[in-house]
Amino acid sequence: MAEAEQPRDAAPKKKSRMPLLIGLVLALLLGGSGFYATWSGLILAAGTDHADGAAEPNPLPDISFVPVGSVIVSIGPGEDGRHLRFTSQLEVAGSHAAEVTSLLPRIVDVMNGYLRAIDPTEFDDSAALVRMRAQLLRRIQIVTGDGRVRDLLITEFVLN
């Protein structure tokens, strides 16, 4: 039995570092090859070739911006003295800019009528500006005709 026991003074076996080294080398190889495949456009390519250098940007569409004068409207009963100052621009096709400019008095009239009719409590809602913009754009598109006005850009919205 004494022979079966191992001496206590013997040093324990060293653990091999080979699996750790193989894992590190594989991680570096996989990481490097993944980076190269993504960078070169082999995977996740956005449709442009990075090897050619700078790609030509798409040309801008033919648009013009027609400024609409500031509209100042009283909100609610006159005792409160609250006013809304609203300034915007219309995004139009370049060929229709002159036509839309000639209709600006009618557009301002539609905007005044709509903004004056809004209930003062609606201004407290965070989504009110989005709804107002959509409503105004639809009314402006009715006045100008289909296909002339693409968008309404609000440049100033001050409520005091």
Protein backbone atom coordinates (compact mmCIF):
# COMPACT_ATOMS: atom_id res chain seq x y z
CA MET A 1 0.00 0.00 0.00
CA ALA A 2 2.80 2.30 0.65
CA GLU A 3 3.89 1.81 -2.91
CA ALA A 4 0.48 2.93 -4.25
CA GLU A 5 0.70 6.29 -2.60
CA GLN A 6 2.45 9.04 -4.50
CA PRO A 7 5.08 11.04 -2.78
CA ARG A 8 3.90 14.40 -1.51
CA ASP A 9 7.07 16.15 -2.49
CA ALA A 10 6.53 15.56 -6.22
CA ALA A 11 5.61 18.67 -8.20
CA PRO A 12 2.09 18.74 -9.69
CA LYS A 13 1.81 18.39 -13.48
CA LYS A 14 1.87 21.65 -15.44
CA LYS A 15 -1.28 22.43 -17.38
CA SER A 16 -0.73 22.77 -21.08
CA ARG A 17 -1.10 26.24 -22.59
CA MET A 18 -1.60 24.84 -26.06
CA PRO A 19 -5.46 25.13 -26.08
CA LEU A 20 -5.21 28.77 -24.98
CA LEU A 21 -2.68 29.52 -27.69
CA ILE A 22 -4.75 27.79 -30.39
CA GLY A 23 -7.87 29.69 -29.26
CA LEU A 24 -6.05 33.03 -29.40
CA VAL A 25 -4.67 32.36 -32.88
CA LEU A 26 -8.10 31.27 -34.17
CA ALA A 27 -9.78 34.35 -32.68
CA LEU A 28 -7.27 36.65 -34.36
CA LEU A 29 -7.64 34.87 -37.71
CA LEU A 30 -11.45 34.94 -37.60
CA GLY A 31 -11.57 38.56 -36.46
CA GLY A 32 -9.13 39.66 -39.15
CA SER A 33 -10.93 37.77 -41.90
CA GLY A 34 -14.31 39.14 -40.78
CA PHE A 35 -12.94 42.68 -40.83
CA TYR A 36 -11.45 42.19 -44.31
CA ALA A 37 -14.68 40.66 -45.67
CA THR A 38 -16.74 43.57 -44.38
CA TRP A 39 -14.26 46.26 -45.43
CA SER A 40 -13.82 44.88 -48.94
CA GLY A 41 -17.57 44.57 -49.46
CA LEU A 42 -17.78 40.80 -49.62
CA ILE A 43 -20.50 40.90 -46.95
CA LEU A 44 -22.84 43.69 -45.88
CA ALA A 45 -22.07 45.64 -49.06
CA ALA A 46 -24.19 48.75 -49.53
CA GLY A 47 -24.10 48.47 -53.31
CA THR A 48 -20.97 50.59 -53.78
CA ASP A 49 -17.47 49.34 -54.49
CA HIS A 50 -14.93 50.64 -51.98
CA ALA A 51 -12.01 49.60 -54.15
CA ASP A 52 -12.86 52.21 -56.83
CA GLY A 53 -12.44 55.10 -54.43
CA ALA A 54 -15.13 57.74 -54.04
CA ALA A 55 -18.35 56.85 -55.83
CA GLU A 56 -20.36 59.46 -57.70
CA PRO A 57 -23.26 60.76 -55.58
CA ASN A 58 -26.75 60.62 -56.97
CA PRO A 59 -27.88 63.91 -58.51
CA LEU A 60 -30.28 65.99 -56.45
CA PRO A 61 -33.87 66.11 -57.61
CA ASP A 62 -35.10 69.28 -59.31
CA ILE A 63 -36.55 71.11 -56.28
CA SER A 64 -37.03 74.69 -55.25
CA PHE A 65 -38.04 76.26 -51.97
CA VAL A 66 -40.68 78.99 -51.94
CA PRO A 67 -40.60 81.04 -48.72
CA VAL A 68 -43.93 81.81 -47.11
CA GLY A 69 -44.03 85.02 -45.11
CA SER A 70 -44.46 84.93 -41.36
CA VAL A 71 -48.00 84.32 -40.19
CA ILE A 72 -48.89 85.78 -36.80
CA VAL A 73 -52.16 84.52 -35.35
CA SER A 74 -53.84 85.19 -32.00
CA ILE A 75 -54.65 82.01 -30.12
CA GLY A 76 -57.70 81.64 -27.91
CA PRO A 77 -59.67 84.48 -26.34
CA GLY A 78 -58.17 87.96 -26.56
CA GLU A 79 -57.75 88.26 -22.78
CA ASP A 80 -54.86 85.80 -22.67
CA GLY A 81 -52.92 87.60 -25.38
CA ARG A 82 -51.25 84.44 -26.72
CA HIS A 83 -49.88 84.62 -30.24
CA LEU A 84 -48.37 82.15 -32.67
CA ARG A 85 -45.65 83.20 -35.08
CA PHE A 86 -45.39 80.67 -37.88
CA THR A 87 -42.86 80.80 -40.74
CA SER A 88 -42.43 78.11 -43.37
CA GLN A 89 -41.17 77.23 -46.81
CA LEU A 90 -42.74 75.08 -49.49
CA GLU A 91 -40.74 72.42 -51.28
CA VAL A 92 -41.87 72.42 -54.91
CA ALA A 93 -40.71 70.97 -58.21
CA GLY A 94 -38.41 73.44 -59.95
CA SER A 95 -40.77 73.77 -62.90
CA HIS A 96 -43.70 74.76 -60.63
CA ALA A 97 -41.93 77.36 -58.47
CA ALA A 98 -43.34 80.36 -60.38
CA GLU A 99 -46.88 78.96 -60.28
CA VAL A 100 -46.75 78.34 -56.53
CA THR A 101 -45.24 81.78 -55.91
CA SER A 102 -48.17 83.39 -57.72
CA LEU A 103 -50.57 81.52 -55.39
CA LEU A 104 -48.87 82.66 -52.15
CA PRO A 105 -51.67 85.04 -51.08
CA ARG A 106 -54.19 82.19 -51.27
CA ILE A 107 -51.79 79.85 -49.43
CA VAL A 108 -51.29 82.38 -46.61
CA ASP A 109 -55.07 82.80 -46.38
CA VAL A 110 -55.56 79.04 -45.96
CA MET A 111 -52.81 78.92 -43.34
CA ASN A 112 -54.31 81.83 -41.39
CA GLY A 113 -57.74 80.22 -41.38
CA TYR A 114 -56.50 76.86 -40.19
CA LEU A 115 -54.11 78.17 -37.52
CA ARG A 116 -56.75 80.52 -36.11
CA ALA A 117 -59.26 77.66 -35.78
CA ILE A 118 -56.99 75.41 -33.69
CA ASP A 119 -58.09 74.89 -30.11
CA PRO A 120 -55.50 76.41 -27.69
CA THR A 121 -55.32 73.17 -25.68
CA GLU A 122 -53.98 71.30 -28.72
CA PHE A 123 -50.69 73.20 -28.53
CA ASP A 124 -49.86 71.40 -25.27
CA ASP A 125 -49.70 68.03 -27.06
CA SER A 126 -46.22 66.98 -28.20
CA ALA A 127 -47.55 65.60 -31.51
CA ALA A 128 -49.50 68.76 -32.32
CA LEU A 129 -46.86 70.17 -34.64
CA VAL A 130 -46.82 66.99 -36.74
CA ARG A 131 -50.62 67.03 -37.08
CA MET A 132 -50.68 70.74 -37.93
CA ARG A 133 -47.99 70.28 -40.55
CA ALA A 134 -49.90 67.42 -42.19
CA GLN A 135 -53.18 69.37 -42.16
CA LEU A 136 -51.56 72.50 -43.59
CA LEU A 137 -49.74 70.56 -46.29
CA ARG A 138 -52.96 68.89 -47.40
CA ARG A 139 -54.79 72.23 -47.55
CA ILE A 140 -51.92 73.84 -49.49
CA GLN A 141 -51.89 70.94 -51.95
CA ILE A 142 -55.60 71.43 -52.57
CA VAL A 143 -55.06 75.15 -53.28
CA THR A 144 -52.06 74.65 -55.58
CA GLY A 145 -53.20 71.48 -57.32
CA ASP A 146 -51.81 67.97 -57.23
CA GLY A 147 -48.10 67.45 -57.77
CA ARG A 148 -46.92 71.04 -57.29
CA VAL A 149 -46.08 71.15 -53.57
CA ARG A 150 -44.05 68.23 -52.22
CA ASP A 151 -43.59 69.24 -48.60
CA LEU A 152 -44.09 71.96 -46.01
CA LEU A 153 -40.97 72.87 -44.04
CA ILE A 154 -41.61 74.71 -40.78
CA THR A 155 -38.77 77.13 -40.12
CA GLU A 156 -40.24 79.01 -37.15
CA PHE A 157 -42.93 78.04 -34.65
CA VAL A 158 -43.08 80.40 -31.68
CA LEU A 159 -46.00 80.36 -29.27
CA ASN A 160 -46.08 83.07 -26.63
